[in-house]
């Protein structure tokens, strides 16, 4: 790459993209195969970048937004579900179909065609209340959009499923005068989640039908953005692969440097004790030290417990 932040060449990436395209083409042409490596659906044709880390960052979760230079909204985001607020919020018996019809007409008015389904908040809380129904809903769509006013309610209703599958709803202003631009901007990036639970991260970087040059530029952009955002930077990246949903992963970079060469920020442990009230003592307070020692502090008396 031209950028010195990373140490992998365009040639390596280009060869990996060509190899992936050949694999997809061979399996598509093989009509007599017993099992399908790549299913004939849009999700299976997405290209994913897999990033292996040397050290796991000491964080709970971090979302890295990556704006790709060649991001096809039709192919890149897949099936999109829009979750809206209810037109009649005060009436729990109001027909949710009226809300759905209203927002479908709004989308049509703004010439928005990338939305696959519209669901109202009331419908979400009633028809998808059960565990299995929510799981199926989250699996049915690749991307969720929701009005910013109900984002917290939608996250609570969908629960762990959207987090487990990296499908956290993206917020929009449903009342925007330029709704098409609002939705386009919300869909015009991919998200890579870095969690302190594992060393692998995956992000969609395009579609197998895209020209090789576009995929190469998307991969370069994703690698650079990720290396700028992750703890430890480029030196913390151990491996890079690309793959389709059900294909084998094709490697194009591996670092032989020891993980000991990677410096990660460590959590700072306070040296000063934390003081607070102790309800079991009259007018009593306690100091808790970093090593676990507890000191009872009263008006004229101190003792260790």
Protein backbone atom coordinates (compact mmCIF):
# COMPACT_ATOMS: atom_id res chain seq x y z
CA UNK A 1 0.00 0.00 0.00
CA UNK A 2 1.07 3.58 -0.47
CA UNK A 3 0.29 4.37 3.15
CA UNK A 4 3.17 3.50 5.50
CA UNK A 5 0.78 2.74 8.37
CA UNK A 6 0.30 -0.78 7.03
CA UNK A 7 2.65 -3.30 5.49
CA UNK A 8 0.70 -5.25 2.87
CA UNK A 9 0.84 -4.65 -0.87
CA UNK A 10 -1.93 -4.09 -3.40
CA UNK A 11 -0.52 -7.03 -5.35
CA UNK A 12 -1.14 -9.40 -2.43
CA UNK A 13 -4.71 -8.16 -2.05
CA UNK A 14 -5.33 -8.27 -5.80
CA UNK A 15 -4.18 -11.89 -6.01
CA UNK A 16 -6.43 -12.85 -3.08
CA UNK A 17 -9.44 -11.18 -4.74
CA UNK A 18 -8.76 -12.98 -8.03
CA UNK A 19 -8.49 -16.30 -6.17
CA UNK A 20 -11.81 -15.71 -4.40
CA UNK A 21 -13.52 -14.83 -7.69
CA UNK A 22 -12.17 -18.02 -9.27
CA UNK A 23 -13.48 -20.12 -6.38
CA UNK A 24 -16.92 -18.54 -6.69
CA UNK A 25 -16.95 -19.05 -10.47
CA UNK A 26 -15.86 -22.70 -10.28
CA UNK A 27 -18.55 -23.64 -7.81
CA UNK A 28 -21.18 -21.76 -9.76
CA UNK A 29 -20.31 -23.63 -12.94
CA UNK A 30 -20.22 -27.03 -11.24
CA UNK A 31 -23.88 -28.08 -11.54
CA UNK A 32 -23.25 -31.60 -10.27
CA UNK A 33 -21.68 -30.68 -6.94
CA UNK A 34 -23.14 -32.52 -3.95
CA UNK A 35 -22.84 -29.60 -1.59
CA UNK A 36 -22.86 -25.88 -2.27
CA UNK A 37 -19.87 -23.93 -1.10
CA UNK A 38 -21.54 -20.70 -2.13
CA UNK A 39 -25.34 -20.53 -2.06
CA UNK A 40 -27.07 -18.54 -4.78
CA UNK A 41 -28.27 -15.70 -2.58
CA UNK A 42 -27.06 -12.15 -2.06
CA UNK A 43 -25.68 -12.73 1.44
CA UNK A 44 -23.45 -15.57 0.27
CA UNK A 45 -21.95 -13.31 -2.41
CA UNK A 46 -20.77 -10.69 0.04
CA UNK A 47 -17.02 -10.41 0.55
CA UNK A 48 -15.81 -10.31 4.14
CA UNK A 49 -12.47 -9.20 5.53
CA UNK A 50 -11.32 -11.27 8.50
CA UNK A 51 -8.78 -9.67 10.83
CA UNK A 52 -6.85 -11.70 13.38
CA UNK A 53 -5.25 -9.86 16.30
CA UNK A 54 -2.13 -10.76 18.27
CA UNK A 55 -3.45 -9.35 21.54
CA UNK A 56 -7.07 -8.93 22.62
CA UNK A 57 -7.82 -5.27 23.46
CA UNK A 58 -8.88 -4.59 27.04
CA UNK A 59 -12.26 -3.15 26.05
CA UNK A 60 -15.85 -4.31 26.31
CA UNK A 61 -16.90 -3.39 22.78
CA UNK A 62 -15.96 -0.82 20.15
CA UNK A 63 -17.67 -0.13 16.84
CA UNK A 64 -15.35 0.96 14.02
CA UNK A 65 -17.20 2.74 11.20
CA UNK A 66 -15.58 2.27 7.81
CA UNK A 67 -16.67 4.38 4.84
CA UNK A 68 -15.68 2.37 1.77
CA UNK A 69 -14.88 4.15 -1.53
CA UNK A 70 -17.00 1.65 -3.49
CA UNK A 71 -19.98 0.74 -1.33
CA UNK A 72 -22.96 -0.63 -3.26
CA UNK A 73 -26.11 0.02 -1.23
CA UNK A 74 -28.09 -2.60 -3.11
CA UNK A 75 -25.55 -5.37 -2.56
CA UNK A 76 -23.54 -4.18 0.41
CA UNK A 77 -26.28 -3.82 3.02
CA UNK A 78 -28.50 -6.69 1.89
CA UNK A 79 -32.02 -6.89 3.29
CA UNK A 80 -32.88 -3.70 5.22
CA UNK A 81 -35.63 -3.46 7.84
CA UNK A 82 -36.93 -0.07 8.96
CA UNK A 83 -38.47 0.13 12.44
CA UNK A 84 -40.66 3.19 13.03
CA UNK A 85 -42.58 4.80 15.85
CA UNK A 86 -46.36 4.43 16.09
CA UNK A 87 -48.67 7.05 14.62
CA UNK A 88 -51.16 6.60 17.47
CA UNK A 89 -48.94 6.17 20.53
CA UNK A 90 -51.73 6.53 23.11
CA UNK A 91 -54.03 3.84 21.76
CA UNK A 92 -52.58 0.34 22.42
CA UNK A 93 -55.28 -1.18 20.20
CA UNK A 94 -54.45 0.93 17.17
CA UNK A 95 -53.87 -1.06 14.00
CA UNK A 96 -50.08 -1.17 13.32
CA UNK A 97 -50.83 -1.65 9.61
CA UNK A 98 -51.86 2.00 9.39
CA UNK A 99 -48.42 3.00 10.65
CA UNK A 100 -46.69 0.64 8.25
CA UNK A 101 -48.76 1.88 5.32
CA UNK A 102 -48.01 5.52 6.21
CA UNK A 103 -44.25 5.00 6.23
CA UNK A 104 -44.25 2.86 3.10
CA UNK A 105 -45.98 5.73 1.31
CA UNK A 106 -43.40 8.12 2.78
CA UNK A 107 -40.57 5.97 1.42
CA UNK A 108 -42.23 5.85 -1.98
CA UNK A 109 -42.67 9.62 -1.96
CA UNK A 110 -38.93 10.07 -1.39
CA UNK A 111 -38.10 7.43 -4.04
CA UNK A 112 -36.40 5.13 -1.52
CA UNK A 113 -36.19 1.56 -2.82
CA UNK A 114 -33.54 -0.07 -0.60
CA UNK A 115 -35.91 -0.80 2.33
CA UNK A 116 -37.10 -4.42 2.34
CA UNK A 117 -39.63 -4.19 5.20
CA UNK A 118 -41.23 -1.70 7.59
CA UNK A 119 -42.18 -2.66 11.17
CA UNK A 120 -43.80 -0.41 13.76
CA UNK A 121 -42.61 -0.32 17.37
CA UNK A 122 -45.95 -1.69 18.61
CA UNK A 123 -45.70 -4.55 16.14
CA UNK A 124 -42.15 -5.24 17.30
CA UNK A 125 -43.24 -5.41 20.93
CA UNK A 126 -46.24 -7.66 20.27
CA UNK A 127 -45.61 -9.89 17.25
CA UNK A 128 -41.92 -10.34 18.08
CA UNK A 129 -42.17 -10.61 21.84
CA UNK A 130 -41.25 -14.29 21.99
CA UNK A 131 -37.62 -15.41 21.95
CA UNK A 132 -37.86 -17.46 18.75
CA UNK A 133 -39.73 -14.72 16.87
CA UNK A 134 -37.03 -12.15 17.70
CA UNK A 135 -34.30 -14.56 16.68
CA UNK A 136 -35.95 -15.20 13.31
CA UNK A 137 -36.47 -11.45 12.76
CA UNK A 138 -32.81 -10.69 13.37
CA UNK A 139 -31.74 -13.49 11.05
CA UNK A 140 -34.12 -12.36 8.30
CA UNK A 141 -32.46 -8.97 7.74
CA UNK A 142 -28.88 -7.84 7.27
CA UNK A 143 -29.34 -4.24 8.42
CA UNK A 144 -31.80 -2.48 10.74
CA UNK A 145 -32.69 1.21 10.63
CA UNK A 146 -34.80 2.98 13.20
CA UNK A 147 -36.06 6.43 14.04
CA UNK A 148 -33.66 8.08 16.47
CA UNK A 149 -36.49 8.83 18.92
CA UNK A 150 -37.16 5.16 19.56
CA UNK A 151 -33.61 3.79 19.30
CA UNK A 152 -33.40 2.81 22.98
CA UNK A 153 -36.76 1.04 22.86
CA UNK A 154 -35.81 -0.86 19.70
CA UNK A 155 -32.47 -1.99 21.17
CA UNK A 156 -34.25 -3.20 24.29
CA UNK A 157 -36.87 -5.08 22.26
CA UNK A 158 -34.41 -6.81 19.93
CA UNK A 159 -32.07 -7.66 22.79
CA UNK A 160 -28.91 -9.70 22.43
CA UNK A 161 -29.61 -10.98 18.92
CA UNK A 162 -28.58 -7.79 17.11
CA UNK A 163 -25.45 -7.51 19.24
CA UNK A 164 -24.45 -11.14 18.72
CA UNK A 165 -24.76 -10.76 14.93
CA UNK A 166 -23.35 -7.22 14.64
CA UNK A 167 -26.71 -5.86 13.49
CA UNK A 168 -27.19 -3.00 15.94
CA UNK A 169 -29.86 -0.65 14.48
CA UNK A 170 -28.61 2.49 12.80
CA UNK A 171 -30.52 5.61 13.74
CA UNK A 172 -32.07 8.06 11.31
CA UNK A 173 -34.31 11.10 11.50
CA UNK A 174 -37.52 9.77 9.97
CA UNK A 175 -38.86 13.33 9.70
CA UNK A 176 -35.91 14.62 7.70
CA UNK A 177 -36.83 16.75 4.68
CA UNK A 178 -34.23 14.84 2.69
CA UNK A 179 -35.08 11.35 3.90
CA UNK A 180 -33.33 9.65 1.00
CA UNK A 181 -30.01 11.28 1.89
CA UNK A 182 -30.61 10.50 5.57
CA UNK A 183 -31.04 6.80 4.83
CA UNK A 184 -28.23 6.72 2.28
CA UNK A 185 -25.80 8.19 4.81
CA UNK A 186 -26.91 5.69 7.45
CA UNK A 187 -26.24 2.80 5.07
CA UNK A 188 -23.10 4.16 3.43
CA UNK A 189 -20.64 2.53 5.82
CA UNK A 190 -19.82 -0.87 7.22
CA UNK A 191 -19.26 -1.56 10.91
CA UNK A 192 -16.54 -3.70 12.43
CA UNK A 193 -17.00 -4.59 16.09
CA UNK A 194 -13.91 -5.05 18.25
CA UNK A 195 -14.66 -6.88 21.48
CA UNK A 196 -12.44 -7.89 24.36
CA UNK A 197 -13.61 -11.50 24.08
CA UNK A 198 -11.76 -12.81 21.04
CA UNK A 199 -8.93 -12.13 18.65
CA UNK A 200 -10.92 -12.22 15.37
CA UNK A 201 -12.94 -9.41 13.75
CA UNK A 202 -15.00 -9.58 10.57
CA UNK A 203 -16.40 -6.84 8.34
CA UNK A 204 -18.17 -6.83 4.96
CA UNK A 205 -16.08 -5.02 2.33
CA UNK A 206 -18.11 -5.54 -0.81
CA UNK A 207 -19.78 -7.97 -3.20
CA UNK A 208 -18.15 -10.69 -5.29
CA UNK A 209 -19.69 -9.19 -8.46
CA UNK A 210 -17.79 -5.91 -8.01
CA UNK A 211 -14.74 -5.28 -10.22
CA UNK A 212 -11.43 -6.39 -8.75
CA UNK A 213 -10.13 -2.82 -8.54
CA UNK A 214 -13.12 -1.73 -6.43
CA UNK A 215 -12.76 -4.63 -4.01
CA UNK A 216 -9.02 -4.00 -3.64
CA UNK A 217 -9.61 -0.33 -2.79
CA UNK A 218 -12.33 -1.27 -0.30
CA UNK A 219 -10.05 -3.78 1.43
CA UNK A 220 -7.19 -1.27 1.60
CA UNK A 221 -9.50 1.34 3.13
CA UNK A 222 -10.88 -1.13 5.67
CA UNK A 223 -7.44 -2.34 6.76
CA UNK A 224 -6.11 1.21 7.16
CA UNK A 225 -9.15 2.43 9.09
CA UNK A 226 -9.15 -0.61 11.35
CA UNK A 227 -5.42 -0.38 12.08
CA UNK A 228 -5.87 3.30 13.00
CA UNK A 229 -8.72 2.47 15.39
CA UNK A 230 -7.72 -0.75 17.16
CA UNK A 231 -5.53 -0.79 20.25
CA UNK A 232 -1.96 -1.65 19.30
CA UNK A 233 -2.44 -0.36 15.75
CA UNK A 234 -1.02 -2.14 12.72
CA UNK A 235 1.50 -4.10 14.83
CA UNK A 236 -1.39 -5.80 16.60
CA UNK A 237 -2.73 -7.31 13.35
CA UNK A 238 -1.59 -10.92 12.95
CA UNK A 239 -3.53 -12.18 9.92
CA UNK A 240 -5.74 -10.89 7.10
CA UNK A 241 -8.12 -13.08 5.06
CA UNK A 242 -10.98 -12.51 2.65
CA UNK A 243 -13.90 -14.87 2.13
CA UNK A 244 -17.50 -15.16 1.10
CA UNK A 245 -20.14 -16.28 3.57
CA UNK A 246 -19.63 -20.01 3.02
CA UNK A 247 -16.27 -20.18 1.25
CA UNK A 248 -12.87 -20.99 2.61
CA UNK A 249 -10.90 -17.99 3.85
CA UNK A 250 -8.10 -16.87 1.52
CA UNK A 251 -5.08 -15.41 3.37
CA UNK A 252 -3.10 -12.47 2.03
CA UNK A 253 -1.14 -11.33 5.06
CA UNK A 254 0.45 -12.90 8.15
CA UNK A 255 2.76 -11.26 10.68
CA UNK A 256 5.61 -13.27 12.15
CA UNK A 257 6.37 -10.71 14.85
CA UNK A 258 5.92 -11.80 18.44
CA UNK A 259 2.83 -10.53 20.32
CA UNK A 260 5.30 -9.28 22.92
CA UNK A 261 6.21 -6.52 20.48
CA UNK A 262 2.68 -5.10 20.74
CA UNK A 263 2.03 -2.47 23.41
CA UNK A 264 -1.56 -2.19 24.57
CA UNK A 265 -2.78 0.46 27.02
CA UNK A 266 -3.44 -1.08 30.41
CA UNK A 267 -6.21 -0.20 32.82
CA UNK A 268 -5.02 2.31 35.39
CA UNK A 269 -5.63 1.21 38.96
CA UNK A 270 -6.19 4.21 41.26
CA UNK A 271 -3.77 4.57 44.14
CA UNK A 272 -6.12 6.67 46.23
CA UNK A 273 -8.80 4.96 48.35
CA UNK A 274 -12.49 5.41 47.65
CA UNK A 275 -14.47 6.77 50.61
CA UNK A 276 -18.18 6.28 51.15
CA UNK A 277 -20.80 5.86 53.88
CA UNK A 278 -21.18 2.61 55.85
CA UNK A 279 -24.82 2.03 56.67
CA UNK A 280 -24.11 -0.47 59.46
CA UNK A 281 -22.36 2.18 61.57
CA UNK A 282 -23.87 5.36 63.00
CA UNK A 283 -22.15 8.36 61.43
CA UNK A 284 -19.61 5.95 59.98
CA UNK A 285 -17.72 5.97 56.68
CA UNK A 286 -15.29 3.59 55.02
CA UNK A 287 -12.22 3.85 52.84
CA UNK A 288 -11.61 1.03 50.34
CA UNK A 289 -8.02 0.72 49.09
CA UNK A 290 -6.95 -0.78 45.72
CA UNK A 291 -5.48 -3.84 47.48
CA UNK A 292 -8.86 -4.62 49.06
CA UNK A 293 -8.13 -3.29 52.56
CA UNK A 294 -11.10 -1.59 54.19
CA UNK A 295 -10.70 1.16 56.77
CA UNK A 296 -13.60 2.28 58.96
CA UNK A 297 -13.53 6.01 59.55
CA UNK A 298 -15.65 7.61 62.31
CA UNK A 299 -15.59 11.13 63.69
CA UNK A 300 -12.83 10.46 66.23
CA UNK A 301 -12.00 6.80 65.60
CA UNK A 302 -10.24 4.71 62.94
CA UNK A 303 -9.80 0.95 62.80
CA UNK A 304 -9.03 -1.65 60.17
CA UNK A 305 -11.56 -4.40 59.46
